Amino acid sequence: MGNPVEHSKSPWIHARFAELTGQVLEYGKRLIGLGEFPQAVRAFVAEGGRGCNITVPFKFQAAALVTRRSARAELADACNILSFEGDAIVGDNTDGIGFVADVERNAGVPLAGRDVLLLGAGGAAAGVLGPVIEARPRRVVVANRTVAKAQALVERHAALARARGVELQACALDAVPGSYDVVVNGTASSLGGGGVPVDARVLKPGALAYDMMYGPAAAGFLRWAREHGAVGRDGLGMLVEQAAEAFLIWRGVRPPSQQVLAELRRELQP
């Protein structure tokens, strides 16, 4: 469920997961009107729906709607996965686990001891921050156009950061201090066709520049990364890895995410 949602590859991913694990499921996509999210979820439950993924811009609304949240959804205050258990709506967040798995396992970039810049403070960024901190980077800076939103996200994660020995701070997009090993674009700039929201000086030589979007939406950010000596990566692997975690929650089976990611990349090649 999202708006927009037509571009989503999640139905393909979950169909392939089901095929490879011998599961039987039906997974589709629904465009939800901006003021219609709670009604849409309840209607899906009434139809016999068992669960759903939530994408932009409804992740915060999903967290407010649920009966019960996982610990990671509670920390993020955002949900990208719902499960329906009787009358209860259970919310979870697999975005961060998916992101870390893609960066560390699929891209081969360990986050421990690194300097990480997270652009944006919306639902996607909120889901990613906790698992990134758990990976024990040296420093994480959250930059957002509205600094108060970034500060609120930082404050919610401050205790976890202290416990993991991670320096954590918030700033404005036009006032990012220093340069970084990993720069993550979690803003809506790519989805809306906007420009890269920060100056290229934030990139250390050879940095990983990661856009949570994929396909044509990520092309501008990836081009910017290449032009400034960084290694660009889109969010397709994050999409597949967070879906694998959701599939595990719903079905109790972990699908072969790396195989499906390789197949999907071949599928999307022009």
Protein backbone atom coordinates (compact mmCIF):
# COMPACT_ATOMS: atom_id res chain seq x y z
CA MET A 1 0.00 0.00 0.00
CA GLY A 2 1.38 3.37 -0.97
CA ASN A 3 1.10 6.49 -3.09
CA PRO A 4 2.67 6.19 -5.65
CA VAL A 5 2.85 2.41 -5.88
CA GLU A 6 2.66 1.49 -9.56
CA HIS A 7 6.47 1.26 -9.83
CA SER A 8 6.73 -1.31 -7.01
CA LYS A 9 8.54 -4.58 -7.68
CA SER A 10 7.34 -6.12 -4.41
CA PRO A 11 4.67 -8.34 -6.04
CA TRP A 12 7.34 -9.86 -8.31
CA ILE A 13 9.68 -10.38 -5.36
CA HIS A 14 7.12 -12.06 -3.12
CA ALA A 15 5.84 -14.25 -5.95
CA ARG A 16 9.40 -15.43 -6.56
CA PHE A 17 9.99 -15.99 -2.83
CA ALA A 18 6.83 -18.12 -2.71
CA GLU A 19 7.88 -20.11 -5.76
CA LEU A 20 11.33 -20.84 -4.36
CA THR A 21 10.09 -21.83 -0.89
CA GLY A 22 6.97 -23.77 -1.86
CA GLN A 23 4.60 -21.27 -0.29
CA VAL A 24 1.21 -20.29 -1.69
CA LEU A 25 0.28 -16.62 -1.45
CA GLU A 26 -1.26 -13.77 -3.37
CA TYR A 27 0.53 -10.42 -3.14
CA GLY A 28 -0.59 -7.34 -5.05
CA LYS A 29 -0.24 -3.57 -4.86
CA ARG A 30 -2.80 -0.93 -3.99
CA LEU A 31 -2.73 2.79 -4.63
CA ILE A 32 -4.17 4.45 -1.54
CA GLY A 33 -5.62 7.96 -1.49
CA LEU A 34 -3.69 10.30 0.76
CA GLY A 35 -6.55 10.62 3.25
CA GLU A 36 -7.72 7.03 3.03
CA PHE A 37 -5.02 4.90 4.63
CA PRO A 38 -6.77 3.74 7.86
CA GLN A 39 -9.94 2.88 5.95
CA ALA A 40 -7.93 1.01 3.30
CA VAL A 41 -6.17 -1.16 5.91
CA ARG A 42 -9.43 -2.01 7.68
CA ALA A 43 -11.10 -2.83 4.35
CA PHE A 44 -8.24 -5.18 3.49
CA VAL A 45 -8.58 -6.94 6.84
CA ALA A 46 -12.31 -7.33 6.22
CA GLU A 47 -11.53 -8.92 2.83
CA GLY A 48 -9.45 -11.57 4.56
CA GLY A 49 -6.01 -10.00 4.07
CA ARG A 50 -3.25 -11.52 6.19
CA GLY A 51 -0.66 -8.74 6.02
CA CYS A 52 0.78 -5.96 3.89
CA ASN A 53 3.81 -3.82 3.25
CA ILE A 54 3.56 -0.05 3.63
CA THR A 55 5.54 2.38 1.51
CA VAL A 56 5.61 6.17 1.14
CA PRO A 57 3.96 8.20 2.52
CA PHE A 58 2.11 6.03 5.05
CA LYS A 59 4.78 4.55 7.34
CA PHE A 60 4.15 6.96 10.20
CA GLN A 61 0.38 6.59 9.79
CA ALA A 62 0.81 2.81 9.92
CA ALA A 63 2.67 3.09 13.24
CA ALA A 64 -0.18 5.16 14.67
CA LEU A 65 -2.81 2.68 13.45
CA VAL A 66 -1.44 -0.57 14.83
CA THR A 67 -2.59 -2.40 17.94
CA ARG A 68 0.93 -3.57 18.79
CA ARG A 69 4.45 -2.71 17.56
CA SER A 70 7.71 -4.61 17.50
CA ALA A 71 10.64 -3.08 19.38
CA ARG A 72 12.24 -1.88 16.14
CA ALA A 73 8.97 -0.34 14.93
CA GLU A 74 8.59 1.36 18.31
CA LEU A 75 12.06 2.86 18.03
CA ALA A 76 11.46 4.02 14.46
CA ASP A 77 7.89 5.17 15.20
CA ALA A 78 7.24 3.93 11.65
CA CYS A 79 6.01 0.64 10.19
CA ASN A 80 6.57 -0.84 6.75
CA ILE A 81 4.92 -4.19 7.49
CA LEU A 82 1.59 -5.08 9.06
CA SER A 83 0.36 -8.51 10.13
CA PHE A 84 -3.27 -9.19 11.00
CA GLU A 85 -3.80 -11.49 13.97
CA GLY A 86 -7.49 -11.78 14.80
CA ASP A 87 -8.64 -8.28 15.73
CA ALA A 88 -5.06 -7.07 16.24
CA ILE A 89 -2.94 -5.18 13.72
CA VAL A 90 0.74 -5.85 14.47
CA GLY A 91 3.32 -3.42 13.09
CA ASP A 92 6.98 -4.08 12.38
CA ASN A 93 9.79 -2.38 10.50
CA THR A 94 12.15 -4.35 8.27
CA ASP A 95 13.62 -1.40 6.35
CA GLY A 96 16.73 -1.08 8.50
CA ILE A 97 17.53 -4.76 8.56
CA GLY A 98 17.11 -4.81 4.78
CA PHE A 99 19.39 -1.81 4.34
CA VAL A 100 22.19 -3.16 6.56
CA ALA A 101 22.02 -6.59 4.92
CA ASP A 102 22.32 -5.05 1.47
CA VAL A 103 25.21 -2.75 2.40
CA GLU A 104 27.24 -5.22 4.45
CA ARG A 105 26.52 -8.55 2.75
CA ASN A 106 25.57 -7.68 -0.83
CA ALA A 107 27.74 -4.58 -1.33
CA GLY A 108 30.53 -5.81 0.96
CA VAL A 109 30.82 -2.53 2.90
CA PRO A 110 31.06 -3.00 6.71
CA LEU A 111 29.51 -0.15 8.68
CA ALA A 112 31.49 -0.70 11.89
CA GLY A 113 33.81 2.21 12.59
CA ARG A 114 32.57 4.22 9.58
CA ASP A 115 31.14 7.72 9.32
CA VAL A 116 27.57 7.59 8.01
CA LEU A 117 25.41 10.46 6.72
CA LEU A 118 21.66 9.79 6.59
CA LEU A 119 19.72 12.28 4.47
CA GLY A 120 16.08 12.67 5.46
CA ALA A 121 14.00 12.05 8.56
CA GLY A 122 10.89 10.48 7.03
CA GLY A 123 9.59 6.96 7.37
CA ALA A 124 12.38 5.27 5.43
CA ALA A 125 15.15 7.06 7.32
CA ALA A 126 13.44 6.39 10.65
CA GLY A 127 13.34 2.67 9.92
CA VAL A 128 17.01 2.54 8.95
CA LEU A 129 18.60 4.49 11.80
CA GLY A 130 18.28 1.91 14.60
CA PRO A 131 19.81 -1.02 12.68
CA VAL A 132 22.57 1.27 11.38
CA ILE A 133 23.46 2.20 14.96
CA GLU A 134 23.40 -1.49 15.89
CA ALA A 135 26.10 -2.02 13.23
CA ARG A 136 28.35 0.25 15.35
CA PRO A 137 29.59 2.94 12.98
CA ARG A 138 31.83 5.61 14.49
CA ARG A 139 29.43 8.44 13.75
CA VAL A 140 25.96 8.96 12.28
CA VAL A 141 24.68 12.37 11.21
CA VAL A 142 21.00 12.78 10.29
CA ALA A 143 20.47 15.73 7.95
CA ASN A 144 17.03 17.03 7.03
CA ARG A 145 15.47 20.12 5.53
CA THR A 146 13.44 20.55 8.72
CA VAL A 147 16.07 20.21 11.44
CA ALA A 148 13.48 19.67 14.17
CA LYS A 149 12.39 16.40 12.53
CA ALA A 150 15.99 15.19 12.36
CA GLN A 151 16.53 16.20 15.98
CA ALA A 152 13.43 14.30 17.11
CA LEU A 153 14.67 11.18 15.31
CA VAL A 154 18.12 11.55 16.90
CA GLU A 155 16.66 12.02 20.37
CA ARG A 156 14.55 8.87 20.01
CA HIS A 157 17.72 6.90 19.19
CA ALA A 158 20.07 8.65 21.62
CA ALA A 159 20.03 5.94 24.29
CA LEU A 160 20.78 3.21 21.74
CA ALA A 161 23.62 5.28 20.27
CA ARG A 162 25.16 5.80 23.71
CA ALA A 163 24.89 2.09 24.47
CA ARG A 164 26.65 1.19 21.21
CA GLY A 165 29.31 3.91 21.49
CA VAL A 166 28.09 5.74 18.37
CA GLU A 167 28.30 9.51 17.98
CA LEU A 168 24.88 10.71 16.80
CA GLN A 169 23.77 14.20 15.78
CA ALA A 170 21.26 16.11 13.66
CA CYS A 171 21.77 19.02 11.27
CA ALA A 172 20.28 20.87 8.30
CA LEU A 173 20.89 19.66 4.75
CA ASP A 174 22.86 22.81 3.98
CA ALA A 175 24.99 22.57 7.12
CA VAL A 176 26.39 19.04 7.08
CA PRO A 177 29.72 18.88 8.93
CA GLY A 178 32.63 16.98 7.41
CA SER A 179 32.72 14.08 4.96
CA TYR A 180 31.52 10.48 5.15
CA ASP A 181 32.29 6.90 4.18
CA VAL A 182 28.61 6.13 3.53
CA VAL A 183 26.00 8.67 2.37
CA VAL A 184 22.41 7.44 2.32
CA ASN A 185 19.66 9.31 0.51
CA GLY A 186 16.40 8.69 2.33
CA THR A 187 14.73 11.91 1.17
CA ALA A 188 11.95 12.17 -1.40
CA SER A 189 14.26 14.01 -3.80
CA SER A 190 14.76 11.04 -6.12
CA LEU A 191 11.11 10.03 -6.12
CA GLY A 192 10.10 13.58 -6.99
CA GLY A 193 12.80 14.04 -9.62
CA GLY A 194 14.59 16.68 -7.57
CA GLY A 195 18.30 17.27 -7.40
CA VAL A 196 20.73 15.80 -4.89
CA PRO A 197 19.99 17.57 -1.59
CA VAL A 198 23.60 18.00 -0.36
CA ASP A 199 26.94 19.27 -1.62
CA ALA A 200 29.42 16.71 -2.97
CA ARG A 201 31.95 17.67 -0.29
CA VAL A 202 30.12 15.25 2.05
CA LEU A 203 31.61 12.34 0.06
CA LYS A 204 34.94 10.90 1.12
CA PRO A 205 36.97 9.55 -1.82
CA GLY A 206 35.50 6.19 -2.78
CA ALA A 207 32.50 6.62 -0.47
CA LEU A 208 29.42 4.48 -0.87
CA ALA A 209 26.56 6.73 -2.01
CA TYR A 210 23.31 4.83 -1.49
CA ASP A 211 19.87 5.88 -2.72
CA MET A 212 16.94 4.08 -1.12
CA MET A 213 15.08 4.43 -4.42
CA TYR A 214 15.78 2.18 -7.40
CA GLY A 215 15.30 2.19 -11.14
CA PRO A 216 14.94 5.51 -13.00
CA ALA A 217 14.18 7.37 -9.75
CA ALA A 218 17.70 6.69 -8.45
CA ALA A 219 19.53 7.47 -11.71
CA GLY A 220 20.28 11.11 -10.92
CA PHE A 221 21.74 10.36 -7.49
CA LEU A 222 23.87 7.52 -8.85
CA ARG A 223 25.19 9.73 -11.64
CA TRP A 224 26.07 12.43 -9.08
CA ALA A 225 27.93 9.80 -7.04
CA ARG A 226 30.00 8.63 -10.02
CA GLU A 227 30.80 12.17 -11.08
CA HIS A 228 32.28 12.88 -7.64
CA GLY A 229 34.36 9.75 -7.18
CA ALA A 230 31.90 7.74 -5.09
CA VAL A 231 30.49 4.25 -5.58
CA GLY A 232 26.77 4.53 -6.28
CA ARG A 233 24.24 1.89 -5.25
CA ASP A 234 20.47 1.94 -5.58
CA GLY A 235 17.95 0.58 -3.10
CA LEU A 236 16.94 -2.54 -5.01
CA GLY A 237 18.89 -4.77 -2.64
CA MET A 238 17.30 -3.05 0.36
CA LEU A 239 13.89 -3.68 -1.19
CA VAL A 240 14.60 -7.39 -1.63
CA GLU A 241 16.22 -7.83 1.80
CA GLN A 242 13.44 -6.04 3.70
CA ALA A 243 10.93 -8.13 1.75
CA ALA A 244 12.77 -11.30 2.77
CA GLU A 245 12.47 -10.31 6.42
CA ALA A 246 8.76 -9.59 5.94
CA PHE A 247 8.31 -12.95 4.23
CA LEU A 248 9.99 -14.63 7.20
CA ILE A 249 7.63 -12.86 9.60
CA TRP A 250 4.54 -13.80 7.62
CA ARG A 251 5.45 -17.34 6.57
CA GLY A 252 8.12 -18.53 9.00
CA VAL A 253 10.47 -19.29 6.09
CA ARG A 254 13.54 -17.28 5.06
CA PRO A 255 13.70 -17.00 1.26
CA PRO A 256 16.95 -16.91 -0.79
CA SER A 257 17.19 -13.13 -1.03
CA GLN A 258 20.55 -12.93 -2.80
CA GLN A 259 19.36 -15.22 -5.58
CA VAL A 260 16.17 -13.19 -6.03
CA LEU A 261 18.12 -9.90 -6.04
CA ALA A 262 20.40 -11.21 -8.81
CA GLU A 263 17.38 -12.36 -10.81
CA LEU A 264 15.58 -9.05 -10.34
CA ARG A 265 18.59 -7.03 -11.48
CA ARG A 266 18.73 -9.14 -14.66
CA GLU A 267 14.97 -8.68 -15.09
CA LEU A 268 15.31 -4.89 -14.91
CA GLN A 269 18.25 -4.57 -17.28
CA PRO A 270 17.25 -2.61 -20.40
